[in-house]
Amino acid sequence: MNQNTCLIAAICAIALVGCSTSGSRSSAVNPTIAPAVMFSTGPIYSACRKADRKQASRSQCGCVQAVANQSLDPSDQRRGAGFFTDPQKAQDVRTSERSIDERFWLRWKAYGDKAAQICA
């Protein structure tokens, strides 16, 4: 894989790798209350599960979909879901000089960063 494809694959995997469980989390207010689990289904969830990656558990894919619901409109979600199966699509968008692609890429990257934070 060339450097750009590796970068795209890494960005697409942010939601998966960054969302691995890292032990238990406690509530600052009441440590006996478990934190809310974010979970949803949709195009990101489906693409994540179909990607057949070790990190793509049901709960991780559900979490990144829940973050997508907060961060991306349905059109952006469908577009980004395609990156899981075809990283070249992401590469094409990232390197595009079209302003619509640049704006989408900024939203997609911000989504990936947020998913890594929330789903960790």
C-alpha atoms as a PDB file:
ATOM      1  CA  MET A   1       0.000   0.000   0.000  1.00  0.00           C
ATOM      2  CA  ASN A   2       1.242   3.436  -0.785  1.00  0.00           C
ATOM      3  CA  GLN A   3       1.429   6.152   1.856  1.00  0.00           C
ATOM      4  CA  ASN A   4      -1.854   7.805   0.879  1.00  0.00           C
ATOM      5  CA  THR A   5      -3.779   4.548   0.945  1.00  0.00           C
ATOM      6  CA  CYS A   6      -2.324   3.767   4.368  1.00  0.00           C
ATOM      7  CA  LEU A   7      -3.417   7.192   5.599  1.00  0.00           C
ATOM      8  CA  ILE A   8      -6.932   6.655   4.300  1.00  0.00           C
ATOM      9  CA  ALA A   9      -7.124   3.196   5.824  1.00  0.00           C
ATOM     10  CA  ALA A  10      -5.933   4.627   9.135  1.00  0.00           C
ATOM     11  CA  ILE A  11      -8.559   7.355   9.088  1.00  0.00           C
ATOM     12  CA  CYS A  12     -11.296   4.874   8.234  1.00  0.00           C
ATOM     13  CA  ALA A  13     -10.084   2.645  11.033  1.00  0.00           C
ATOM     14  CA  ILE A  14     -10.063   5.447  13.625  1.00  0.00           C
ATOM     15  CA  ALA A  15     -13.568   4.540  14.546  1.00  0.00           C
ATOM     16  CA  LEU A  16     -12.623   0.893  14.953  1.00  0.00           C
ATOM     17  CA  VAL A  17      -9.182   1.016  16.513  1.00  0.00           C
ATOM     18  CA  GLY A  18      -9.917   4.079  18.606  1.00  0.00           C
ATOM     19  CA  CYS A  19     -13.069   2.486  19.904  1.00  0.00           C
ATOM     20  CA  SER A  20     -11.474  -0.563  21.457  1.00  0.00           C
ATOM     21  CA  THR A  21     -12.445  -1.090  25.041  1.00  0.00           C
ATOM     22  CA  SER A  22      -9.807   0.088  27.454  1.00  0.00           C
ATOM     23  CA  GLY A  23     -11.080  -1.198  30.756  1.00  0.00           C
ATOM     24  CA  SER A  24     -13.930   0.075  32.809  1.00  0.00           C
ATOM     25  CA  ARG A  25     -14.928   3.699  33.062  1.00  0.00           C
ATOM     26  CA  SER A  26     -16.421   5.175  36.165  1.00  0.00           C
ATOM     27  CA  SER A  27     -18.896   7.949  36.657  1.00  0.00           C
ATOM     28  CA  ALA A  28     -17.414  10.998  38.374  1.00  0.00           C
ATOM     29  CA  VAL A  29     -20.743  11.709  40.071  1.00  0.00           C
ATOM     30  CA  ASN A  30     -21.614   8.208  41.254  1.00  0.00           C
ATOM     31  CA  PRO A  31     -19.113   5.398  40.650  1.00  0.00           C
ATOM     32  CA  THR A  32     -21.836   2.772  41.098  1.00  0.00           C
ATOM     33  CA  ILE A  33     -23.674   3.938  37.976  1.00  0.00           C
ATOM     34  CA  ALA A  34     -22.325   2.515  34.730  1.00  0.00           C
ATOM     35  CA  PRO A  35     -21.741   4.987  31.898  1.00  0.00           C
ATOM     36  CA  ALA A  36     -24.330   5.021  29.146  1.00  0.00           C
ATOM     37  CA  VAL A  37     -23.485   2.764  26.254  1.00  0.00           C
ATOM     38  CA  MET A  38     -23.835   4.419  22.884  1.00  0.00           C
ATOM     39  CA  PHE A  39     -25.261   2.125  20.243  1.00  0.00           C
ATOM     40  CA  SER A  40     -27.125   2.563  17.004  1.00  0.00           C
ATOM     41  CA  THR A  41     -27.473   0.870  13.655  1.00  0.00           C
ATOM     42  CA  GLY A  42     -27.226   2.434  10.230  1.00  0.00           C
ATOM     43  CA  PRO A  43     -24.929   2.585   7.199  1.00  0.00           C
ATOM     44  CA  ILE A  44     -21.701   3.049   9.185  1.00  0.00           C
ATOM     45  CA  TYR A  45     -22.650   0.180  11.511  1.00  0.00           C
ATOM     46  CA  SER A  46     -23.400  -2.118   8.560  1.00  0.00           C
ATOM     47  CA  ALA A  47     -20.190  -1.220   6.713  1.00  0.00           C
ATOM     48  CA  CYS A  48     -18.180  -1.619   9.910  1.00  0.00           C
ATOM     49  CA  ARG A  49     -19.597  -5.089  10.577  1.00  0.00           C
ATOM     50  CA  LYS A  50     -19.099  -6.186   6.957  1.00  0.00           C
ATOM     51  CA  ALA A  51     -15.492  -4.972   6.978  1.00  0.00           C
ATOM     52  CA  ASP A  52     -14.657  -8.205   8.827  1.00  0.00           C
ATOM     53  CA  ARG A  53     -11.933  -6.648  10.952  1.00  0.00           C
ATOM     54  CA  LYS A  54     -11.037  -8.104  14.322  1.00  0.00           C
ATOM     55  CA  GLN A  55     -11.841  -4.811  16.069  1.00  0.00           C
ATOM     56  CA  ALA A  56     -15.256  -4.552  14.402  1.00  0.00           C
ATOM     57  CA  SER A  57     -17.321  -5.897  17.283  1.00  0.00           C
ATOM     58  CA  ARG A  58     -21.043  -5.307  17.426  1.00  0.00           C
ATOM     59  CA  SER A  59     -20.641  -2.811  20.280  1.00  0.00           C
ATOM     60  CA  GLN A  60     -17.791  -0.886  18.626  1.00  0.00           C
ATOM     61  CA  CYS A  61     -19.609  -0.620  15.318  1.00  0.00           C
ATOM     62  CA  GLY A  62     -22.767   0.448  17.151  1.00  0.00           C
ATOM     63  CA  CYS A  63     -20.853   3.128  19.011  1.00  0.00           C
ATOM     64  CA  VAL A  64     -19.273   4.613  15.901  1.00  0.00           C
ATOM     65  CA  GLN A  65     -22.721   4.639  14.260  1.00  0.00           C
ATOM     66  CA  ALA A  66     -24.161   6.474  17.263  1.00  0.00           C
ATOM     67  CA  VAL A  67     -21.410   9.094  16.942  1.00  0.00           C
ATOM     68  CA  ALA A  68     -22.092   9.307  13.213  1.00  0.00           C
ATOM     69  CA  ASN A  69     -25.751  10.028  14.003  1.00  0.00           C
ATOM     70  CA  GLN A  70     -24.598  12.996  16.095  1.00  0.00           C
ATOM     71  CA  SER A  71     -21.920  14.196  13.675  1.00  0.00           C
ATOM     72  CA  LEU A  72     -22.938  13.425  10.101  1.00  0.00           C
ATOM     73  CA  ASP A  73     -26.092  13.759   8.073  1.00  0.00           C
ATOM     74  CA  PRO A  74     -27.479  10.583   6.431  1.00  0.00           C
ATOM     75  CA  SER A  75     -25.930  11.453   3.072  1.00  0.00           C
ATOM     76  CA  ASP A  76     -22.451  11.813   4.621  1.00  0.00           C
ATOM     77  CA  GLN A  77     -22.944   8.535   6.479  1.00  0.00           C
ATOM     78  CA  ARG A  78     -23.800   6.653   3.285  1.00  0.00           C
ATOM     79  CA  ARG A  79     -20.853   8.208   1.463  1.00  0.00           C
ATOM     80  CA  GLY A  80     -18.406   7.432   4.272  1.00  0.00           C
ATOM     81  CA  ALA A  81     -19.700   3.875   4.666  1.00  0.00           C
ATOM     82  CA  GLY A  82     -18.280   3.154   1.239  1.00  0.00           C
ATOM     83  CA  PHE A  83     -14.774   3.855   2.541  1.00  0.00           C
ATOM     84  CA  PHE A  84     -14.846   0.688   4.632  1.00  0.00           C
ATOM     85  CA  THR A  85     -15.006  -1.538   1.552  1.00  0.00           C
ATOM     86  CA  ASP A  86     -13.197   0.697  -0.924  1.00  0.00           C
ATOM     87  CA  PRO A  87     -10.418   2.828   0.621  1.00  0.00           C
ATOM     88  CA  GLN A  88      -9.719   4.245  -2.847  1.00  0.00           C
ATOM     89  CA  LYS A  89     -12.988   6.188  -2.566  1.00  0.00           C
ATOM     90  CA  ALA A  90     -11.636   7.894   0.523  1.00  0.00           C
ATOM     91  CA  GLN A  91      -8.351   8.610  -1.218  1.00  0.00           C
ATOM     92  CA  ASP A  92     -10.193  10.158  -4.145  1.00  0.00           C
ATOM     93  CA  VAL A  93     -12.223  12.422  -1.856  1.00  0.00           C
ATOM     94  CA  ARG A  94      -9.235  13.390   0.269  1.00  0.00           C
ATOM     95  CA  THR A  95      -7.172  14.431  -2.750  1.00  0.00           C
ATOM     96  CA  SER A  96     -10.035  16.027  -4.659  1.00  0.00           C
ATOM     97  CA  GLU A  97      -9.841  19.730  -5.392  1.00  0.00           C
ATOM     98  CA  ARG A  98     -13.630  20.069  -5.433  1.00  0.00           C
ATOM     99  CA  SER A  99     -14.835  22.245  -2.564  1.00  0.00           C
ATOM    100  CA  ILE A 100     -17.735  19.894  -1.842  1.00  0.00           C
ATOM    101  CA  ASP A 101     -15.259  17.024  -1.348  1.00  0.00           C
ATOM    102  CA  GLU A 102     -13.006  19.162   0.843  1.00  0.00           C
ATOM    103  CA  ARG A 103     -15.920  20.108   3.099  1.00  0.00           C
ATOM    104  CA  PHE A 104     -17.046  16.486   3.325  1.00  0.00           C
ATOM    105  CA  TRP A 105     -13.513  15.376   4.183  1.00  0.00           C
ATOM    106  CA  LEU A 106     -13.307  17.882   7.048  1.00  0.00           C
ATOM    107  CA  ARG A 107     -16.620  16.592   8.441  1.00  0.00           C
ATOM    108  CA  TRP A 108     -15.490  12.958   8.028  1.00  0.00           C
ATOM    109  CA  LYS A 109     -12.179  13.568   9.775  1.00  0.00           C
ATOM    110  CA  ALA A 110     -13.876  15.439  12.650  1.00  0.00           C
ATOM    111  CA  TYR A 111     -16.308  12.527  12.961  1.00  0.00           C
ATOM    112  CA  GLY A 112     -13.443  10.019  13.146  1.00  0.00           C
ATOM    113  CA  ASP A 113     -11.712  12.043  15.858  1.00  0.00           C
ATOM    114  CA  LYS A 114     -14.936  12.300  17.873  1.00  0.00           C
ATOM    115  CA  ALA A 115     -15.665   8.570  17.499  1.00  0.00           C
ATOM    116  CA  ALA A 116     -12.169   7.728  18.725  1.00  0.00           C
ATOM    117  CA  GLN A 117     -12.744   9.870  21.825  1.00  0.00           C
ATOM    118  CA  ILE A 118     -16.258   8.748  22.668  1.00  0.00           C
ATOM    119  CA  CYS A 119     -16.009   5.072  21.837  1.00  0.00           C
ATOM    120  CA  ALA A 120     -12.653   4.471  23.553  1.00  0.00           C
END
